[in-house]
Protein backbone atom coordinates (compact mmCIF):
# COMPACT_ATOMS: atom_id res chain seq x y z
CA LEU A 1 -212.32 213.95 -62.09
CA SER A 2 -214.49 212.27 -64.69
CA MET A 3 -216.98 212.86 -67.48
CA ASP A 4 -219.74 212.71 -64.85
CA MET A 5 -218.11 215.62 -63.03
CA LEU A 6 -218.14 217.67 -66.23
CA ARG A 7 -221.78 216.84 -66.93
CA GLU A 8 -222.93 217.57 -63.37
CA HIS A 9 -220.88 220.66 -62.52
CA GLY A 10 -219.38 221.99 -65.75
CA LEU A 11 -222.07 224.53 -66.63
CA ASN A 12 -222.32 225.81 -63.05
CA LEU A 13 -218.56 226.30 -62.90
CA GLN A 14 -218.64 227.95 -66.31
CA ALA A 15 -221.30 230.40 -65.09
CA TYR A 16 -219.31 231.07 -61.92
CA ALA A 17 -216.19 231.79 -63.99
CA GLN A 18 -218.12 234.31 -66.11
CA GLN A 19 -219.30 236.16 -63.00
CA ASN A 20 -216.08 235.87 -60.93
CA TRP A 21 -213.40 235.61 -63.59
CA TRP A 22 -210.23 236.39 -61.60
CA ILE A 23 -211.26 234.38 -58.54
CA ALA A 24 -212.19 231.41 -60.71
CA LEU A 25 -208.94 231.67 -62.70
CA VAL A 26 -206.72 231.76 -59.59
CA ALA A 27 -208.72 228.93 -58.00
CA PHE A 28 -208.44 226.81 -61.17
CA ILE A 29 -204.66 227.31 -61.34
CA ALA A 30 -204.35 226.40 -57.64
CA VAL A 31 -206.48 223.27 -58.03
CA TYR A 32 -204.51 222.20 -61.11
CA ALA A 33 -201.22 222.75 -59.26
CA LEU A 34 -202.49 220.64 -56.35
CA ALA A 35 -203.72 217.91 -58.70
CA THR A 36 -200.33 217.84 -60.45
CA ALA A 37 -198.32 217.82 -57.22
CA SER A 38 -200.45 215.04 -55.73
CA THR A 39 -200.42 213.05 -59.03
CA ILE A 40 -204.14 212.26 -58.80
CA PRO A 41 -205.60 210.56 -61.90
CA GLY A 42 -207.87 212.26 -64.42
CA PRO A 43 -206.15 215.57 -65.22
CA VAL A 44 -207.51 215.47 -68.77
CA PHE A 45 -211.01 216.13 -67.39
CA LEU A 46 -209.68 219.08 -65.40
CA THR A 47 -208.10 220.40 -68.61
CA LEU A 48 -211.44 220.02 -70.44
CA LEU A 49 -213.08 221.93 -67.58
CA GLY A 50 -210.54 224.72 -68.01
CA GLY A 51 -211.61 225.02 -71.64
CA MET A 52 -215.27 225.13 -70.63
CA MET A 53 -214.65 227.80 -68.00
CA PHE A 54 -212.15 230.08 -69.76
CA GLY A 55 -212.08 229.15 -73.44
CA PRO A 56 -209.27 227.39 -75.30
CA TYR A 57 -206.48 229.96 -74.99
CA VAL A 58 -206.85 231.29 -71.45
CA GLY A 59 -207.75 227.75 -70.36
CA ALA A 60 -204.53 226.41 -71.90
CA LEU A 61 -202.41 229.11 -70.24
CA ALA A 62 -204.11 228.48 -66.88
CA GLN A 63 -203.63 224.72 -67.14
CA SER A 64 -200.01 225.07 -68.17
CA THR A 65 -199.38 227.51 -65.30
CA GLY A 66 -200.99 225.21 -62.72
CA ALA A 67 -199.23 222.13 -64.04
CA THR A 68 -195.89 223.95 -64.01
CA ILE A 69 -196.35 225.04 -60.39
CA GLY A 70 -197.29 221.49 -59.36
CA SER A 71 -194.33 220.12 -61.31
CA VAL A 72 -191.94 222.39 -59.45
CA VAL A 73 -193.23 220.96 -56.15
CA ILE A 74 -192.48 217.40 -57.30
CA TYR A 75 -189.13 218.53 -58.71
CA CYS A 76 -188.17 220.01 -55.32
CA VAL A 77 -189.10 216.78 -53.52
CA TYR A 78 -186.81 214.80 -55.84
CA ARG A 79 -183.98 217.31 -55.37
CA THR A 80 -183.71 216.00 -51.78
CA SER A 81 -181.88 212.86 -50.66
CA ILE A 82 -184.77 210.80 -52.10
CA GLY A 83 -183.59 211.87 -55.54
CA SER A 84 -179.98 210.88 -54.87
CA TRP A 85 -181.05 207.44 -53.67
CA LEU A 86 -183.33 206.92 -56.69
CA ARG A 87 -180.67 208.15 -59.13
CA ALA A 88 -178.22 205.55 -57.82
CA LYS A 89 -180.90 202.86 -58.11
CA PHE A 90 -181.80 203.80 -61.69
CA GLU A 91 -178.14 203.96 -62.73
CA ALA A 92 -177.74 200.41 -61.43
CA ASP A 93 -180.80 199.26 -63.44
CA ALA A 94 -179.68 201.14 -66.61
CA GLY A 95 -183.31 201.32 -67.79
CA PHE A 96 -185.65 204.02 -69.11
CA MET A 97 -185.29 206.32 -66.09
CA ASP A 98 -181.50 206.18 -66.31
CA ARG A 99 -181.60 207.13 -70.03
CA LEU A 100 -184.09 209.91 -69.27
CA ALA A 101 -181.89 211.32 -66.50
CA LYS A 102 -178.80 211.24 -68.72
CA GLY A 103 -180.68 213.05 -71.51
CA ILE A 104 -181.62 215.80 -69.07
CA ASP A 105 -177.99 215.94 -67.90
CA ARG A 106 -176.81 216.57 -71.47
CA ASN A 107 -179.31 219.28 -72.46
CA ALA A 108 -181.95 220.12 -69.90
CA PHE A 109 -184.16 222.52 -71.88
CA THR A 110 -184.28 220.59 -75.17
CA THR A 111 -184.84 217.21 -73.51
CA LEU A 112 -187.51 218.49 -71.11
CA PHE A 113 -189.30 220.51 -73.79
CA THR A 114 -189.42 217.52 -76.14
CA LEU A 115 -190.71 215.24 -73.40
CA ARG A 116 -193.37 217.76 -72.33
CA VAL A 117 -194.66 218.15 -75.91
CA ILE A 118 -195.23 214.37 -76.11
CA PRO A 119 -198.39 213.73 -74.03
CA SER A 120 -197.79 209.96 -73.73
CA VAL A 121 -194.61 210.40 -71.65
CA PRO A 122 -195.64 210.02 -67.97
CA PHE A 123 -195.65 213.49 -66.45
CA VAL A 124 -194.50 212.48 -62.98
CA LEU A 125 -191.50 210.55 -64.36
CA ILE A 126 -190.24 213.69 -66.10
CA ASN A 127 -190.59 215.67 -62.86
CA ALA A 128 -188.81 212.97 -60.89
CA ALA A 129 -185.96 212.62 -63.38
CA ALA A 130 -185.43 216.39 -63.56
CA GLY A 131 -185.24 216.61 -59.77
CA MET A 132 -182.91 213.63 -59.49
CA VAL A 133 -180.38 215.12 -61.88
CA ALA A 134 -180.82 218.59 -60.37
CA ALA A 135 -181.75 220.12 -63.74
CA PRO A 136 -181.43 223.92 -63.66
CA LEU A 137 -184.72 225.33 -62.40
CA LYS A 138 -185.23 228.10 -64.99
CA PRO A 139 -184.99 225.85 -68.10
CA TYR A 140 -187.13 223.27 -66.28
CA ILE A 141 -189.91 225.81 -65.66
CA VAL A 142 -189.80 227.32 -69.16
CA ALA A 143 -189.64 223.91 -70.91
CA THR A 144 -192.54 222.63 -68.81
CA PHE A 145 -194.77 225.65 -69.43
CA LEU A 146 -194.10 225.87 -73.18
CA GLY A 147 -194.00 222.12 -73.80
CA LEU A 148 -197.46 221.61 -72.33
CA LEU A 149 -199.18 224.24 -74.48
CA PRO A 150 -199.67 222.29 -77.77
CA SER A 151 -201.64 219.33 -76.38
CA THR A 152 -203.28 221.46 -73.70
CA THR A 153 -204.63 223.89 -76.29
CA ILE A 154 -206.21 220.97 -78.16
CA TYR A 155 -207.87 219.68 -74.97
CA THR A 156 -209.09 223.10 -73.84
CA TRP A 157 -210.52 223.77 -77.32
CA ILE A 158 -212.43 220.50 -77.02
CA GLY A 159 -213.54 221.58 -73.53
CA SER A 160 -214.86 224.90 -74.85
CA LYS A 161 -216.85 223.11 -77.59
CA LEU A 162 -218.08 220.62 -75.00
CA GLY A 163 -219.42 223.55 -72.97
CA GLU A 164 -221.28 224.83 -76.02
CA MET A 165 -222.81 221.39 -76.57
CA MET A 166 -223.94 221.20 -72.95
CA GLN A 167 -225.46 224.68 -73.13
CA ALA A 168 -227.46 223.42 -76.12
CA GLY A 169 -228.84 220.61 -73.94
CA VAL A 170 -226.58 217.75 -75.11
CA ARG A 171 -225.22 215.50 -72.35
CA PRO A 172 -222.17 213.97 -74.05
CA ASP A 173 -220.47 210.75 -73.01
CA LEU A 174 -216.95 209.61 -73.86
CA GLU A 175 -218.09 207.92 -77.08
CA THR A 176 -219.76 211.16 -78.26
CA LEU A 177 -216.63 213.09 -77.27
CA VAL A 178 -214.38 210.87 -79.39
CA ARG A 179 -216.79 210.93 -82.35
CA GLN A 180 -217.32 214.70 -82.29
CA PHE A 181 -213.68 215.60 -81.75
CA PHE A 182 -211.90 212.84 -83.66
CA TRP A 183 -209.51 215.09 -85.60
CA PRO A 184 -208.40 217.28 -82.68
CA LEU A 185 -207.79 214.09 -80.69
CA MET A 186 -205.71 212.81 -83.60
CA GLY A 187 -203.57 215.90 -83.06
CA VAL A 188 -202.79 214.64 -79.56
CA VAL A 189 -202.05 211.18 -81.01
CA PHE A 190 -199.68 212.82 -83.51
CA LEU A 191 -197.83 214.54 -80.67
CA SER A 192 -197.69 211.26 -78.74
CA LEU A 193 -196.66 208.83 -81.47
CA LEU A 194 -195.26 210.55 -84.54
CA LEU A 195 -193.33 213.46 -83.06
CA PRO A 196 -190.75 211.24 -81.30
CA LEU A 197 -189.88 209.67 -84.68
């Protein structure tokens, strides 16, 4: 998952999605769920690809759906005895993970939704903490799905515009991406830095 992947395969996948919309949509959601559950690096490029293939709004809903499914897998793993062992360890350390777990204990939906809206909070840590404290599954799923939509919509909008640029013959690199989409990226920075204040 990289900018090279988008440049080499993005337009082909976009064309495939136009011809086989439902198959491509289900496959994208499944791949995103697998990527989330396996915690592989580079999901932002997969989110950009979703915008290229399906546009900003359907792409955002597909990404959020896939990420939520993958998150539930991680949550279920941490609901096992692994979670109990880690919870005891974090309580002994009284660090960030202990505070996160206690926040989820107090108000699962509000805490999880707030953490999901902030893109800089490590995704896998939220999943782990929610599983360790056995957060109720329904608020966990709803907070995950809804909390991901703001930043995801920004990224999929950038992905859709990136697809238009590539169709026009431009082969953008990361520097071009930042320069062309500075203000939308500042929206993600706002969610990451200012919202918690």
